[in-house]
Protein backbone atom coordinates (compact mmCIF):
# COMPACT_ATOMS: atom_id res chain seq x y z
CA MET A 1 100.89 111.67 89.10
CA ASN A 2 100.12 112.80 92.88
CA ARG A 3 99.93 112.58 95.82
CA HIS A 4 97.92 109.21 96.50
CA ILE A 5 99.77 107.30 93.34
CA ASN A 6 103.94 108.34 95.05
CA GLN A 7 101.81 107.02 98.91
CA ALA A 8 100.74 103.95 97.29
CA GLN A 9 104.23 103.67 96.18
CA HIS A 10 105.26 104.04 99.79
CA ASN A 11 103.24 101.75 101.07
CA GLU A 12 104.51 99.41 98.42
CA THR A 13 107.54 99.93 99.32
CA PHE A 14 106.63 99.59 103.58
CA LEU A 15 104.88 95.78 102.73
CA ALA A 16 108.33 94.65 100.33
CA PHE A 17 109.82 95.53 104.14
CA ILE A 18 107.42 93.59 105.67
CA GLU A 19 106.92 90.80 103.38
CA ASN A 20 110.94 89.74 103.28
CA HIS A 21 111.99 91.11 107.31
CA SER A 22 109.15 88.89 108.63
CA PRO A 23 107.57 86.28 105.74
CA ASP A 24 105.64 84.19 108.42
CA ASP A 25 104.41 86.91 110.03
CA TYR A 26 102.47 90.06 110.27
CA ASN A 27 99.55 88.15 108.10
CA ASP A 28 97.17 90.65 109.30
CA TRP A 29 98.82 94.28 108.72
CA LYS A 30 100.53 92.43 105.47
CA ILE A 31 96.47 92.85 104.34
CA THR A 32 95.78 96.32 106.00
CA VAL A 33 98.43 97.29 104.17
CA ILE A 34 97.46 96.30 100.71
CA PHE A 35 94.23 97.49 101.69
CA TYR A 36 95.49 100.87 102.20
CA ILE A 37 97.63 100.28 98.82
CA ALA A 38 94.46 100.30 97.62
CA VAL A 39 92.60 102.94 98.68
CA HIS A 40 95.91 105.25 98.28
CA TYR A 41 95.31 104.08 93.90
CA ILE A 42 91.46 104.41 94.23
CA GLN A 43 92.44 107.53 95.42
CA ALA A 44 94.59 109.26 92.61
CA PHE A 45 91.92 107.92 90.71
CA TYR A 46 89.13 109.99 91.47
CA LEU A 47 91.74 112.97 92.62
CA GLU A 48 91.93 113.39 88.55
CA HIS A 49 88.39 113.73 88.28
CA GLY A 50 88.10 116.08 90.41
CA ILE A 51 85.68 113.82 93.36
CA THR A 52 86.94 114.45 96.66
CA VAL A 53 85.76 111.30 98.07
CA ASP A 54 85.87 111.38 102.23
CA ASN A 55 85.17 107.50 104.09
CA HIS A 56 84.97 104.61 102.82
CA LYS A 57 80.58 104.54 102.71
CA GLN A 58 81.70 107.28 100.49
CA ARG A 59 84.22 105.67 98.57
CA ALA A 60 81.83 102.64 97.56
CA GLU A 61 79.09 104.53 97.16
CA VAL A 62 81.45 107.38 94.22
CA MET A 63 82.70 103.76 92.96
CA GLN A 64 79.65 102.23 92.12
CA ASN A 65 79.03 105.16 90.37
CA ARG A 66 75.71 106.36 92.44
CA ASN A 67 77.32 110.19 92.43
CA GLY A 68 80.75 110.52 90.76
CA GLU A 69 82.97 108.29 87.54
CA PRO A 70 82.20 104.77 87.79
CA VAL A 71 85.17 102.57 88.06
CA SER A 72 85.25 98.64 86.63
CA ARG A 73 83.10 95.57 87.99
CA LEU A 74 86.74 94.64 88.43
CA CYS A 75 88.28 96.61 89.71
CA PHE A 76 85.10 96.98 92.34
CA THR A 77 84.67 93.99 93.39
CA ALA A 78 87.85 93.63 94.03
CA TYR A 79 88.77 96.69 95.95
CA GLN A 80 85.49 95.28 98.16
CA SER A 81 87.04 92.25 98.78
CA LEU A 82 90.05 93.98 99.74
CA TYR A 83 87.85 96.06 102.03
CA TRP A 84 86.26 92.49 103.71
CA LEU A 85 89.38 90.96 104.34
CA SER A 86 91.16 94.61 106.05
CA ILE A 87 88.35 94.49 108.02
CA ASP A 88 88.52 90.04 108.81
CA SER A 89 92.18 90.62 109.57
CA ARG A 90 92.19 93.54 111.69
CA TYR A 91 88.87 93.55 113.78
CA THR A 92 88.82 89.40 115.16
CA ALA A 93 92.44 89.15 115.89
CA GLN A 94 93.31 85.92 113.53
CA GLY A 95 96.76 87.04 113.28
CA CYS A 96 96.89 86.14 117.42
CA ILE A 97 95.58 82.73 116.88
CA ALA A 98 97.16 79.92 115.60
CA THR A 99 94.58 78.20 113.99
CA HIS A 100 94.03 81.23 111.90
CA ARG A 101 97.24 81.49 110.42
CA ASP A 102 97.37 79.22 108.17
CA GLN A 103 93.70 81.74 106.55
CA LEU A 104 95.50 84.16 106.65
CA VAL A 105 98.33 83.04 105.04
CA ASP A 106 95.55 82.24 101.94
CA ASN A 107 94.04 85.93 102.78
CA VAL A 108 97.27 87.07 101.88
CA GLU A 109 98.05 86.07 99.31
CA ASP A 110 94.09 86.81 98.48
CA ALA A 111 94.66 90.35 98.53
CA LYS A 112 97.44 90.41 96.68
CA ASP A 113 95.28 89.14 93.40
CA ALA A 114 92.79 92.09 94.26
CA LEU A 115 95.14 94.52 94.12
CA ILE A 116 96.41 93.77 91.12
CA LYS A 117 92.88 94.40 89.26
CA VAL A 118 92.91 97.76 90.87
CA LYS A 119 96.47 98.57 90.97
CA GLU A 120 95.91 97.94 86.63
CA PHE A 121 92.38 99.74 86.68
CA VAL A 122 94.32 103.05 87.86
CA MET A 123 97.70 102.73 86.25
CA ASN A 124 95.98 102.08 83.15
CA TYR A 125 94.17 105.10 83.55
CA PHE A 126 97.15 107.25 83.84
CA ASN A 127 98.76 105.19 81.13
CA SER A 128 96.19 105.96 78.09
């Protein structure tokens, strides 16, 4: 495995810590952590292909096979969903507004579902 897999697993441990110690709070941060777990899994995949990806835009382009190794449509769609959930949770300040907390709980679950798809794609590659 490579350093990005290690970082993804480290972030997963942090997510578990947040969820265990504050199950009803910090959902905006949980979504952000979930997104960055996915980022590291994708980075691991591309590092194995000798492809350096430096930013979110470039990663999306490479994932769509514009200039690199493609990922499955399911993986790309899940990653894009995580990207937008993360943007929404970080920049709309919904975590601070009580009326939006139920939506954030749903978004955390959606983010976890999307992460499973990204992680499965990458780990299936490494285990094949």
